[in-house]
Amino acid sequence: MADFQYLASHNETDGNQMSLYDKIILRKPEKKDFYDNPVPLFLPPPIFSRLDTPVDYYYRPDVLHR
């Protein structure tokens, strides 16, 4: 079993890649102007994780309820 992660990045005109992490993660309530700004389209594959930090998940066998 594997867990894949996808880093949001954008190619600049000079060929460098810029991380979009700080622009995607909202740390405070934003005003309407923030949402009206044009941004590059970023759609991660739905099978990939949305987090770039590991999270403990304890797998359990199927539980039978009575």
N, C-alpha and C. Protein backbone atom coordinates (compact mmCIF):
# COMPACT_ATOMS: atom_id res chain seq x y z
N MET A 1 0.85 -1.17 0.00
CA MET A 1 0.00 0.00 0.00
C MET A 1 0.90 1.24 0.00
N ALA A 2 0.51 2.24 -0.72
CA ALA A 2 1.31 3.46 -0.80
C ALA A 2 0.41 4.68 -0.66
N ASP A 3 0.99 5.74 -0.15
CA ASP A 3 0.27 7.01 -0.03
C ASP A 3 1.02 8.02 -0.89
N PHE A 4 0.34 8.57 -1.89
CA PHE A 4 0.97 9.53 -2.78
C PHE A 4 0.55 10.94 -2.39
N GLN A 5 1.45 11.87 -2.60
CA GLN A 5 1.16 13.27 -2.32
C GLN A 5 1.48 14.08 -3.57
N TYR A 6 0.83 15.20 -3.70
CA TYR A 6 0.97 16.03 -4.89
C TYR A 6 1.23 17.45 -4.45
N LEU A 7 2.38 18.01 -4.82
CA LEU A 7 2.72 19.38 -4.44
C LEU A 7 2.19 20.33 -5.51
N ALA A 8 1.44 21.30 -5.08
CA ALA A 8 0.90 22.30 -6.00
C ALA A 8 2.03 23.23 -6.43
N SER A 9 2.28 23.28 -7.72
CA SER A 9 3.33 24.16 -8.23
C SER A 9 2.87 24.78 -9.55
N HIS A 10 3.54 25.86 -9.91
CA HIS A 10 3.21 26.59 -11.13
C HIS A 10 4.52 26.91 -11.84
N ASN A 11 4.56 26.71 -13.16
CA ASN A 11 5.76 27.03 -13.94
C ASN A 11 5.78 28.52 -14.25
N GLU A 12 6.87 29.17 -13.87
CA GLU A 12 7.06 30.59 -14.16
C GLU A 12 7.50 30.75 -15.62
N THR A 13 7.50 31.98 -16.11
CA THR A 13 7.91 32.24 -17.49
C THR A 13 9.40 31.96 -17.71
N ASP A 14 10.21 32.06 -16.64
CA ASP A 14 11.64 31.80 -16.77
C ASP A 14 11.99 30.32 -16.60
N GLY A 15 10.99 29.46 -16.43
CA GLY A 15 11.23 28.02 -16.32
C GLY A 15 11.28 27.50 -14.89
N ASN A 16 11.36 28.39 -13.92
CA ASN A 16 11.38 27.95 -12.52
C ASN A 16 9.99 27.55 -12.07
N GLN A 17 9.95 26.68 -11.06
CA GLN A 17 8.66 26.28 -10.50
C GLN A 17 8.44 27.01 -9.19
N MET A 18 7.21 27.50 -9.00
CA MET A 18 6.86 28.21 -7.78
C MET A 18 5.82 27.37 -7.03
N SER A 19 6.04 27.19 -5.72
CA SER A 19 5.09 26.45 -4.90
C SER A 19 3.84 27.28 -4.66
N LEU A 20 2.68 26.66 -4.81
CA LEU A 20 1.41 27.35 -4.57
C LEU A 20 0.85 27.04 -3.18
N TYR A 21 1.61 26.33 -2.37
CA TYR A 21 1.13 25.88 -1.06
C TYR A 21 0.64 27.05 -0.21
N ASP A 22 1.44 28.12 -0.11
CA ASP A 22 1.06 29.25 0.74
C ASP A 22 -0.15 30.01 0.18
N LYS A 23 -0.40 29.89 -1.12
CA LYS A 23 -1.55 30.57 -1.71
C LYS A 23 -2.83 29.73 -1.61
N ILE A 24 -2.68 28.42 -1.50
CA ILE A 24 -3.84 27.53 -1.44
C ILE A 24 -4.37 27.38 -0.02
N ILE A 25 -3.46 27.25 0.95
CA ILE A 25 -3.86 27.04 2.34
C ILE A 25 -4.33 28.38 2.92
N LEU A 26 -5.57 28.43 3.33
CA LEU A 26 -6.11 29.66 3.91
C LEU A 26 -5.88 29.63 5.42
N ARG A 27 -5.16 30.60 5.93
CA ARG A 27 -4.82 30.65 7.35
C ARG A 27 -5.66 31.68 8.11
N LYS A 28 -6.40 32.50 7.40
CA LYS A 28 -7.25 33.52 8.02
C LYS A 28 -8.43 33.77 7.10
N PRO A 29 -9.50 34.34 7.61
CA PRO A 29 -10.62 34.68 6.72
C PRO A 29 -10.18 35.72 5.69
N GLU A 30 -10.52 35.49 4.46
CA GLU A 30 -10.14 36.40 3.38
C GLU A 30 -11.33 37.24 2.95
N LYS A 31 -11.02 38.42 2.42
CA LYS A 31 -12.07 39.30 1.90
C LYS A 31 -12.44 38.89 0.48
N LYS A 32 -13.51 39.45 -0.02
CA LYS A 32 -14.01 39.09 -1.35
C LYS A 32 -12.97 39.35 -2.44
N ASP A 33 -12.18 40.40 -2.31
CA ASP A 33 -11.16 40.72 -3.32
C ASP A 33 -10.18 39.57 -3.54
N PHE A 34 -9.88 38.84 -2.49
CA PHE A 34 -8.96 37.72 -2.58
C PHE A 34 -9.48 36.68 -3.58
N TYR A 35 -10.78 36.41 -3.54
CA TYR A 35 -11.37 35.39 -4.40
C TYR A 35 -11.60 35.88 -5.83
N ASP A 36 -11.56 37.17 -6.05
CA ASP A 36 -11.75 37.72 -7.39
C ASP A 36 -10.45 37.77 -8.20
N ASN A 37 -9.29 37.57 -7.56
CA ASN A 37 -8.01 37.60 -8.26
C ASN A 37 -7.88 36.41 -9.20
N PRO A 38 -7.31 36.63 -10.40
CA PRO A 38 -7.08 35.50 -11.30
C PRO A 38 -5.95 34.62 -10.75
N VAL A 39 -6.15 33.34 -10.78
CA VAL A 39 -5.14 32.39 -10.29
C VAL A 39 -4.98 31.27 -11.30
N PRO A 40 -3.81 30.61 -11.31
CA PRO A 40 -3.64 29.47 -12.21
C PRO A 40 -4.54 28.32 -11.77
N LEU A 41 -5.03 27.57 -12.73
CA LEU A 41 -5.90 26.45 -12.44
C LEU A 41 -5.07 25.31 -11.86
N PHE A 42 -5.43 24.84 -10.69
CA PHE A 42 -4.73 23.73 -10.05
C PHE A 42 -5.75 22.71 -9.59
N LEU A 43 -5.76 21.57 -10.22
CA LEU A 43 -6.67 20.49 -9.85
C LEU A 43 -5.84 19.23 -9.58
N PRO A 44 -5.61 18.90 -8.31
CA PRO A 44 -4.83 17.69 -8.02
C PRO A 44 -5.64 16.45 -8.36
N PRO A 45 -4.98 15.39 -8.73
CA PRO A 45 -5.70 14.14 -8.96
C PRO A 45 -6.44 13.73 -7.69
N PRO A 46 -7.69 13.32 -7.78
CA PRO A 46 -8.47 13.04 -6.57
C PRO A 46 -7.94 11.87 -5.75
N ILE A 47 -7.14 10.99 -6.36
CA ILE A 47 -6.63 9.85 -5.60
C ILE A 47 -5.44 10.26 -4.72
N PHE A 48 -4.83 11.41 -4.97
CA PHE A 48 -3.68 11.85 -4.20
C PHE A 48 -4.13 12.53 -2.92
N SER A 49 -3.25 12.53 -1.94
CA SER A 49 -3.53 13.14 -0.65
C SER A 49 -3.53 14.66 -0.77
N ARG A 50 -4.35 15.31 0.02
CA ARG A 50 -4.38 16.78 0.02
C ARG A 50 -3.38 17.35 1.01
N LEU A 51 -2.76 16.51 1.81
CA LEU A 51 -1.84 16.97 2.84
C LEU A 51 -0.41 16.66 2.44
N ASP A 52 0.51 17.53 2.81
CA ASP A 52 1.92 17.23 2.55
C ASP A 52 2.64 16.84 3.83
N THR A 53 1.90 16.59 4.89
CA THR A 53 2.48 16.11 6.14
C THR A 53 1.89 14.74 6.45
N PRO A 54 2.70 13.82 6.99
CA PRO A 54 2.17 12.49 7.28
C PRO A 54 1.14 12.52 8.40
N VAL A 55 0.16 11.67 8.29
CA VAL A 55 -0.89 11.56 9.30
C VAL A 55 -1.00 10.09 9.68
N ASP A 56 -1.01 9.81 10.98
CA ASP A 56 -1.17 8.44 11.44
C ASP A 56 -2.60 7.99 11.23
N TYR A 57 -2.73 6.85 10.62
CA TYR A 57 -4.06 6.26 10.43
C TYR A 57 -3.95 4.81 10.84
N TYR A 58 -4.76 4.41 11.78
CA TYR A 58 -4.70 3.05 12.30
C TYR A 58 -5.73 2.19 11.57
N TYR A 59 -5.23 1.34 10.69
CA TYR A 59 -6.11 0.46 9.95
C TYR A 59 -6.65 -0.61 10.88
N ARG A 60 -7.92 -0.90 10.77
CA ARG A 60 -8.56 -1.90 11.62
C ARG A 60 -9.31 -2.88 10.73
N PRO A 61 -9.42 -4.11 11.20
CA PRO A 61 -10.24 -5.05 10.44
C PRO A 61 -11.70 -4.63 10.50
N ASP A 62 -12.49 -5.19 9.62
CA ASP A 62 -13.93 -4.87 9.63
C ASP A 62 -14.53 -5.20 10.99
N VAL A 63 -15.30 -4.29 11.50
CA VAL A 63 -15.93 -4.46 12.80
C VAL A 63 -17.35 -4.96 12.58
N LEU A 64 -17.71 -6.00 13.28
CA LEU A 64 -19.07 -6.53 13.19
C LEU A 64 -19.91 -5.92 14.29
N HIS A 65 -21.01 -5.31 13.91
CA HIS A 65 -21.91 -4.70 14.89
C HIS A 65 -23.07 -5.64 15.15
N ARG A 66 -23.53 -5.64 16.35
CA ARG A 66 -24.68 -6.50 16.70
C ARG A 66 -25.95 -5.72 16.70
